[in-house]
């Protein structure tokens, strides 16, 4: 059984990580688009074309918010609307060539950053950390799902997005 002191230490480190990641998001001066736009682009890249309602459910935000963000990304040439083959009345948001370039650049920058963070770690340390982090995130997702806070999109193109 885990001791209360261990849970308190875990809580402090999770809060600390959250703060560091929040600062990191704000420090990227090379970023052209805001974080919410990048979240949508990454999700469409990983899952494939999705309805706005499914994007909203995946991001845990209101559909009207995602609709406005998606419309802006369409105007910017990063997303395009395409007919939903499952329902001709609906449309899906899909990446454009420029959107794919934006996602590729974002992933490249993230990969470079985290490669620097773990540059001094040996392969065993990194493997152990990745294993434990994966378990930790999986267990959080299970707990959140158990409390009814998680809403998975119902679109057939949706699959669980892995980090």
C-alpha atoms as a PDB file:
ATOM      1  CA  UNK A   1       0.000   0.000   0.000  1.00  0.00           C
ATOM      2  CA  UNK A   2       1.243   3.482  -0.842  1.00  0.00           C
ATOM      3  CA  UNK A   3       1.998   5.798   2.043  1.00  0.00           C
ATOM      4  CA  UNK A   4       0.388   9.218   2.329  1.00  0.00           C
ATOM      5  CA  UNK A   5       3.797  10.900   2.142  1.00  0.00           C
ATOM      6  CA  UNK A   6       4.460   9.209  -1.202  1.00  0.00           C
ATOM      7  CA  UNK A   7       1.121  10.406  -2.563  1.00  0.00           C
ATOM      8  CA  UNK A   8       1.838  13.936  -1.325  1.00  0.00           C
ATOM      9  CA  UNK A   9       5.260  13.834  -3.038  1.00  0.00           C
ATOM     10  CA  UNK A  10       3.618  12.530  -6.223  1.00  0.00           C
ATOM     11  CA  UNK A  11       1.062  15.318  -6.105  1.00  0.00           C
ATOM     12  CA  UNK A  12       3.813  17.942  -5.727  1.00  0.00           C
ATOM     13  CA  UNK A  13       5.702  16.546  -8.721  1.00  0.00           C
ATOM     14  CA  UNK A  14       2.562  16.370 -10.891  1.00  0.00           C
ATOM     15  CA  UNK A  15       1.756  20.001 -10.040  1.00  0.00           C
ATOM     16  CA  UNK A  16       5.381  20.955 -10.716  1.00  0.00           C
ATOM     17  CA  UNK A  17       5.308  19.149 -14.082  1.00  0.00           C
ATOM     18  CA  UNK A  18       2.047  20.860 -14.994  1.00  0.00           C
ATOM     19  CA  UNK A  19       3.565  24.273 -14.233  1.00  0.00           C
ATOM     20  CA  UNK A  20       6.722  23.539 -16.216  1.00  0.00           C
ATOM     21  CA  UNK A  21       4.722  22.319 -19.210  1.00  0.00           C
ATOM     22  CA  UNK A  22       2.517  25.416 -18.993  1.00  0.00           C
ATOM     23  CA  UNK A  23       5.625  27.638 -19.050  1.00  0.00           C
ATOM     24  CA  UNK A  24       6.994  25.611 -21.938  1.00  0.00           C
ATOM     25  CA  UNK A  25       3.829  26.220 -23.971  1.00  0.00           C
ATOM     26  CA  UNK A  26       4.209  29.963 -23.455  1.00  0.00           C
ATOM     27  CA  UNK A  27       7.919  30.068 -24.225  1.00  0.00           C
ATOM     28  CA  UNK A  28       7.805  28.762 -27.789  1.00  0.00           C
ATOM     29  CA  UNK A  29       8.373  31.945 -29.789  1.00  0.00           C
ATOM     30  CA  UNK A  30       8.714  30.013 -33.051  1.00  0.00           C
ATOM     31  CA  UNK A  31       5.093  28.912 -32.784  1.00  0.00           C
ATOM     32  CA  UNK A  32       2.846  30.405 -35.439  1.00  0.00           C
ATOM     33  CA  UNK A  33      -0.480  29.142 -34.091  1.00  0.00           C
ATOM     34  CA  UNK A  34      -1.873  29.009 -30.591  1.00  0.00           C
ATOM     35  CA  UNK A  35      -1.929  25.859 -28.505  1.00  0.00           C
ATOM     36  CA  UNK A  36      -5.599  25.076 -29.114  1.00  0.00           C
ATOM     37  CA  UNK A  37      -5.045  25.196 -32.882  1.00  0.00           C
ATOM     38  CA  UNK A  38      -2.109  22.831 -32.555  1.00  0.00           C
ATOM     39  CA  UNK A  39      -4.173  20.451 -30.425  1.00  0.00           C
ATOM     40  CA  UNK A  40      -6.797  20.237 -33.173  1.00  0.00           C
ATOM     41  CA  UNK A  41      -4.199  19.801 -35.907  1.00  0.00           C
ATOM     42  CA  UNK A  42      -2.394  17.059 -33.980  1.00  0.00           C
ATOM     43  CA  UNK A  43      -5.637  15.230 -33.274  1.00  0.00           C
ATOM     44  CA  UNK A  44      -6.737  15.277 -36.916  1.00  0.00           C
ATOM     45  CA  UNK A  45      -3.242  14.154 -37.926  1.00  0.00           C
ATOM     46  CA  UNK A  46      -3.304  11.203 -35.509  1.00  0.00           C
ATOM     47  CA  UNK A  47      -6.913  10.118 -35.950  1.00  0.00           C
ATOM     48  CA  UNK A  48      -7.822  11.264 -39.436  1.00  0.00           C
ATOM     49  CA  UNK A  49     -10.725  13.433 -40.574  1.00  0.00           C
ATOM     50  CA  UNK A  50     -13.260  14.103 -37.797  1.00  0.00           C
ATOM     51  CA  UNK A  51     -16.499  15.944 -37.272  1.00  0.00           C
ATOM     52  CA  UNK A  52     -16.294  19.145 -35.233  1.00  0.00           C
ATOM     53  CA  UNK A  53     -18.411  17.505 -32.502  1.00  0.00           C
ATOM     54  CA  UNK A  54     -15.918  14.644 -32.237  1.00  0.00           C
ATOM     55  CA  UNK A  55     -12.999  17.076 -32.095  1.00  0.00           C
ATOM     56  CA  UNK A  56     -14.762  18.946 -29.301  1.00  0.00           C
ATOM     57  CA  UNK A  57     -15.469  15.761 -27.349  1.00  0.00           C
ATOM     58  CA  UNK A  58     -11.845  14.638 -27.692  1.00  0.00           C
ATOM     59  CA  UNK A  59     -10.587  18.011 -26.466  1.00  0.00           C
ATOM     60  CA  UNK A  60     -13.234  18.262 -23.715  1.00  0.00           C
ATOM     61  CA  UNK A  61     -14.430  21.653 -24.905  1.00  0.00           C
ATOM     62  CA  UNK A  62     -17.671  23.072 -26.250  1.00  0.00           C
ATOM     63  CA  UNK A  63     -18.452  22.300 -29.897  1.00  0.00           C
ATOM     64  CA  UNK A  64     -19.029  26.002 -30.647  1.00  0.00           C
ATOM     65  CA  UNK A  65     -15.481  26.778 -29.487  1.00  0.00           C
ATOM     66  CA  UNK A  66     -13.987  24.084 -31.705  1.00  0.00           C
ATOM     67  CA  UNK A  67     -16.205  25.176 -34.572  1.00  0.00           C
ATOM     68  CA  UNK A  68     -14.770  28.706 -34.400  1.00  0.00           C
ATOM     69  CA  UNK A  69     -11.206  27.368 -34.108  1.00  0.00           C
ATOM     70  CA  UNK A  70     -11.726  24.957 -37.008  1.00  0.00           C
ATOM     71  CA  UNK A  71     -13.207  27.718 -39.164  1.00  0.00           C
ATOM     72  CA  UNK A  72     -10.116  29.826 -38.506  1.00  0.00           C
ATOM     73  CA  UNK A  73      -7.848  26.899 -39.427  1.00  0.00           C
ATOM     74  CA  UNK A  74      -9.838  26.466 -42.656  1.00  0.00           C
ATOM     75  CA  UNK A  75      -9.343  30.192 -43.430  1.00  0.00           C
ATOM     76  CA  UNK A  76      -5.623  29.786 -42.701  1.00  0.00           C
ATOM     77  CA  UNK A  77      -5.442  26.844 -45.109  1.00  0.00           C
ATOM     78  CA  UNK A  78      -4.482  24.253 -42.480  1.00  0.00           C
ATOM     79  CA  UNK A  79      -7.770  22.332 -42.396  1.00  0.00           C
ATOM     80  CA  UNK A  80     -10.346  21.662 -45.083  1.00  0.00           C
ATOM     81  CA  UNK A  81     -13.917  20.466 -44.952  1.00  0.00           C
ATOM     82  CA  UNK A  82     -14.769  17.231 -46.694  1.00  0.00           C
ATOM     83  CA  UNK A  83     -17.994  15.275 -46.974  1.00  0.00           C
ATOM     84  CA  UNK A  84     -18.570  12.604 -44.341  1.00  0.00           C
ATOM     85  CA  UNK A  85     -19.016   9.339 -46.280  1.00  0.00           C
ATOM     86  CA  UNK A  86     -21.117   7.970 -43.391  1.00  0.00           C
ATOM     87  CA  UNK A  87     -23.521  10.940 -43.483  1.00  0.00           C
ATOM     88  CA  UNK A  88     -23.652  13.169 -46.546  1.00  0.00           C
ATOM     89  CA  UNK A  89     -25.248  15.976 -44.519  1.00  0.00           C
ATOM     90  CA  UNK A  90     -22.195  16.261 -42.262  1.00  0.00           C
ATOM     91  CA  UNK A  91     -18.641  17.325 -42.957  1.00  0.00           C
ATOM     92  CA  UNK A  92     -15.312  16.221 -41.598  1.00  0.00           C
ATOM     93  CA  UNK A  93     -12.279  18.361 -40.835  1.00  0.00           C
ATOM     94  CA  UNK A  94      -9.160  17.099 -42.625  1.00  0.00           C
ATOM     95  CA  UNK A  95      -5.588  18.363 -42.817  1.00  0.00           C
ATOM     96  CA  UNK A  96      -4.374  20.208 -45.874  1.00  0.00           C
ATOM     97  CA  UNK A  97      -0.810  19.956 -47.154  1.00  0.00           C
ATOM     98  CA  UNK A  98       0.015  23.127 -45.189  1.00  0.00           C
ATOM     99  CA  UNK A  99      -1.623  21.590 -42.106  1.00  0.00           C
ATOM    100  CA  UNK A 100       0.536  18.483 -42.455  1.00  0.00           C
ATOM    101  CA  UNK A 101       3.636  20.688 -42.689  1.00  0.00           C
ATOM    102  CA  UNK A 102       2.554  22.562 -39.540  1.00  0.00           C
ATOM    103  CA  UNK A 103       2.085  19.283 -37.655  1.00  0.00           C
ATOM    104  CA  UNK A 104       5.418  17.912 -38.890  1.00  0.00           C
ATOM    105  CA  UNK A 105       7.185  21.076 -37.715  1.00  0.00           C
ATOM    106  CA  UNK A 106       5.488  20.944 -34.322  1.00  0.00           C
ATOM    107  CA  UNK A 107       6.421  17.285 -33.832  1.00  0.00           C
ATOM    108  CA  UNK A 108      10.002  17.971 -34.921  1.00  0.00           C
ATOM    109  CA  UNK A 109      10.352  20.807 -32.394  1.00  0.00           C
ATOM    110  CA  UNK A 110       8.868  18.675 -29.594  1.00  0.00           C
ATOM    111  CA  UNK A 111      11.116  15.741 -30.476  1.00  0.00           C
ATOM    112  CA  UNK A 112      14.211  17.989 -30.435  1.00  0.00           C
ATOM    113  CA  UNK A 113      13.230  19.502 -27.085  1.00  0.00           C
ATOM    114  CA  UNK A 114      12.626  16.196 -25.331  1.00  0.00           C
ATOM    115  CA  UNK A 115      15.746  14.669 -26.888  1.00  0.00           C
ATOM    116  CA  UNK A 116      17.712  17.458 -25.181  1.00  0.00           C
ATOM    117  CA  UNK A 117      15.910  16.841 -21.880  1.00  0.00           C
ATOM    118  CA  UNK A 118      16.900  13.155 -21.792  1.00  0.00           C
ATOM    119  CA  UNK A 119      20.230  13.481 -23.592  1.00  0.00           C
ATOM    120  CA  UNK A 120      22.189  12.403 -20.481  1.00  0.00           C
ATOM    121  CA  UNK A 121      19.931   9.430 -19.678  1.00  0.00           C
ATOM    122  CA  UNK A 122      21.015   5.946 -20.601  1.00  0.00           C
ATOM    123  CA  UNK A 123      18.722   3.693 -22.601  1.00  0.00           C
ATOM    124  CA  UNK A 124      17.678   1.717 -19.508  1.00  0.00           C
ATOM    125  CA  UNK A 125      16.689   4.838 -17.566  1.00  0.00           C
ATOM    126  CA  UNK A 126      14.662   6.154 -20.473  1.00  0.00           C
ATOM    127  CA  UNK A 127      12.962   2.791 -21.009  1.00  0.00           C
ATOM    128  CA  UNK A 128      12.078   2.481 -17.306  1.00  0.00           C
ATOM    129  CA  UNK A 129      10.757   6.060 -17.198  1.00  0.00           C
ATOM    130  CA  UNK A 130       8.683   5.534 -20.343  1.00  0.00           C
ATOM    131  CA  UNK A 131       7.232   2.317 -18.947  1.00  0.00           C
ATOM    132  CA  UNK A 132       6.254   3.934 -15.644  1.00  0.00           C
ATOM    133  CA  UNK A 133       4.963   7.118 -17.288  1.00  0.00           C
ATOM    134  CA  UNK A 134       2.826   5.067 -19.673  1.00  0.00           C
ATOM    135  CA  UNK A 135       1.398   3.094 -16.770  1.00  0.00           C
ATOM    136  CA  UNK A 136       0.750   6.313 -14.823  1.00  0.00           C
ATOM    137  CA  UNK A 137      -1.079   7.992 -17.715  1.00  0.00           C
ATOM    138  CA  UNK A 138      -3.032   4.817 -18.500  1.00  0.00           C
ATOM    139  CA  UNK A 139      -4.145   4.591 -14.862  1.00  0.00           C
ATOM    140  CA  UNK A 140      -5.173   8.260 -14.841  1.00  0.00           C
ATOM    141  CA  UNK A 141      -7.222   7.659 -18.000  1.00  0.00           C
ATOM    142  CA  UNK A 142      -8.897   4.654 -16.384  1.00  0.00           C
ATOM    143  CA  UNK A 143      -9.725   6.685 -13.285  1.00  0.00           C
ATOM    144  CA  UNK A 144     -11.057   9.609 -15.290  1.00  0.00           C
ATOM    145  CA  UNK A 145     -13.112   7.235 -17.430  1.00  0.00           C
ATOM    146  CA  UNK A 146     -14.492   5.575 -14.310  1.00  0.00           C
ATOM    147  CA  UNK A 147     -15.786   8.926 -13.023  1.00  0.00           C
ATOM    148  CA  UNK A 148     -17.570   9.706 -16.277  1.00  0.00           C
ATOM    149  CA  UNK A 149     -15.365  12.694 -17.132  1.00  0.00           C
ATOM    150  CA  UNK A 150     -14.076  11.229 -20.364  1.00  0.00           C
ATOM    151  CA  UNK A 151     -16.114  11.382 -23.551  1.00  0.00           C
ATOM    152  CA  UNK A 152     -14.896   9.434 -26.534  1.00  0.00           C
ATOM    153  CA  UNK A 153     -16.112  10.523 -29.974  1.00  0.00           C
ATOM    154  CA  UNK A 154     -18.518   8.155 -31.682  1.00  0.00           C
ATOM    155  CA  UNK A 155     -17.202   8.710 -35.203  1.00  0.00           C
ATOM    156  CA  UNK A 156     -15.956   5.477 -36.830  1.00  0.00           C
ATOM    157  CA  UNK A 157     -12.613   7.125 -37.698  1.00  0.00           C
ATOM    158  CA  UNK A 158     -11.925   7.796 -34.029  1.00  0.00           C
ATOM    159  CA  UNK A 159      -9.311   5.742 -32.252  1.00  0.00           C
ATOM    160  CA  UNK A 160      -7.680   6.475 -28.942  1.00  0.00           C
ATOM    161  CA  UNK A 161      -4.971   9.081 -29.475  1.00  0.00           C
ATOM    162  CA  UNK A 162      -1.687   8.024 -27.962  1.00  0.00           C
ATOM    163  CA  UNK A 163       0.748  10.613 -26.664  1.00  0.00           C
END
